[in-house]
Amino acid sequence: MYLRVSNRFFVTVGALVFAAMVTASIATPVGRDALAWVYLQSTQAVGHCIHFRFFSLDRLDPTCPQCM
């Protein structure tokens, strides 16, 4: 027999799993360490990224006289 499960069920289960994962990563020391590591790695990757070499961040500075 084919069991028909609605999309609402999957959305609800996904939201509950997401909430459990967020709670576990904030509430435990291992989770906090993992979040800190991900944050540090991402900031380091953006800082060393060669992809953004063609785009000067000075263009985003509203006080830059050359960019006006």
Protein backbone atom coordinates (compact mmCIF):
# COMPACT_ATOMS: atom_id res chain seq x y z
CA MET A 1 0.00 0.00 0.00
CA TYR A 2 1.34 3.40 -1.00
CA LEU A 3 1.44 5.85 1.89
CA ARG A 4 0.75 9.38 0.77
CA VAL A 5 2.56 11.95 2.88
CA SER A 6 1.87 15.61 2.33
CA ASN A 7 4.46 18.30 1.73
CA ARG A 8 3.43 19.94 5.01
CA PHE A 9 4.76 16.89 6.88
CA PHE A 10 8.20 17.22 5.29
CA VAL A 11 8.31 20.95 5.97
CA THR A 12 7.36 20.38 9.61
CA VAL A 13 9.92 17.61 10.09
CA GLY A 14 12.60 19.73 8.39
CA ALA A 15 11.83 22.70 10.64
CA LEU A 16 12.01 20.52 13.75
CA VAL A 17 15.32 18.98 12.69
CA PHE A 18 16.69 22.45 11.90
CA ALA A 19 15.61 23.75 15.31
CA ALA A 20 17.22 20.75 17.02
CA MET A 21 20.48 21.25 15.11
CA VAL A 22 20.61 24.97 15.95
CA THR A 23 19.88 24.26 19.60
CA ALA A 24 22.54 21.55 19.73
CA SER A 25 25.14 23.75 18.06
CA ILE A 26 24.49 26.68 20.41
CA ALA A 27 23.96 24.73 23.64
CA THR A 28 27.01 22.44 23.54
CA PRO A 29 30.66 23.46 23.76
CA VAL A 30 31.51 21.33 20.74
CA GLY A 31 28.80 23.08 18.73
CA ARG A 32 30.03 26.51 19.76
CA ASP A 33 33.58 25.55 18.84
CA ALA A 34 32.38 24.31 15.46
CA LEU A 35 30.47 27.53 14.80
CA ALA A 36 33.51 29.60 15.77
CA TRP A 37 35.73 27.51 13.50
CA VAL A 38 33.33 27.94 10.56
CA TYR A 39 33.18 31.68 11.16
CA LEU A 40 36.96 32.02 11.32
CA GLN A 41 37.48 29.88 8.23
CA SER A 42 34.93 31.84 6.23
CA THR A 43 36.40 35.22 7.16
CA GLN A 44 39.88 33.96 6.33
CA ALA A 45 38.69 32.57 3.01
CA VAL A 46 37.07 35.86 2.04
CA GLY A 47 40.19 37.75 3.07
CA HIS A 48 42.44 35.56 0.91
CA CYS A 49 40.08 35.05 -1.98
CA ILE A 50 41.57 35.89 -5.36
CA HIS A 51 38.15 35.98 -6.99
CA PHE A 52 37.47 39.47 -5.62
CA ARG A 53 40.76 40.87 -6.87
CA PHE A 54 39.05 42.69 -9.76
CA PHE A 55 36.52 44.40 -7.46
CA SER A 56 37.93 47.09 -5.24
CA LEU A 57 36.16 47.39 -1.90
CA ASP A 58 36.79 51.14 -2.06
CA ARG A 59 33.84 51.31 -4.45
CA LEU A 60 31.58 50.51 -1.50
CA ASP A 61 33.00 53.31 0.66
CA PRO A 62 30.67 56.35 0.54
CA THR A 63 33.50 58.67 1.64
CA CYS A 64 35.83 57.71 -1.22
CA PRO A 65 36.27 60.81 -3.47
CA GLN A 66 37.59 58.80 -6.42
CA CYS A 67 34.49 56.60 -6.42
CA MET A 68 31.95 59.41 -6.73
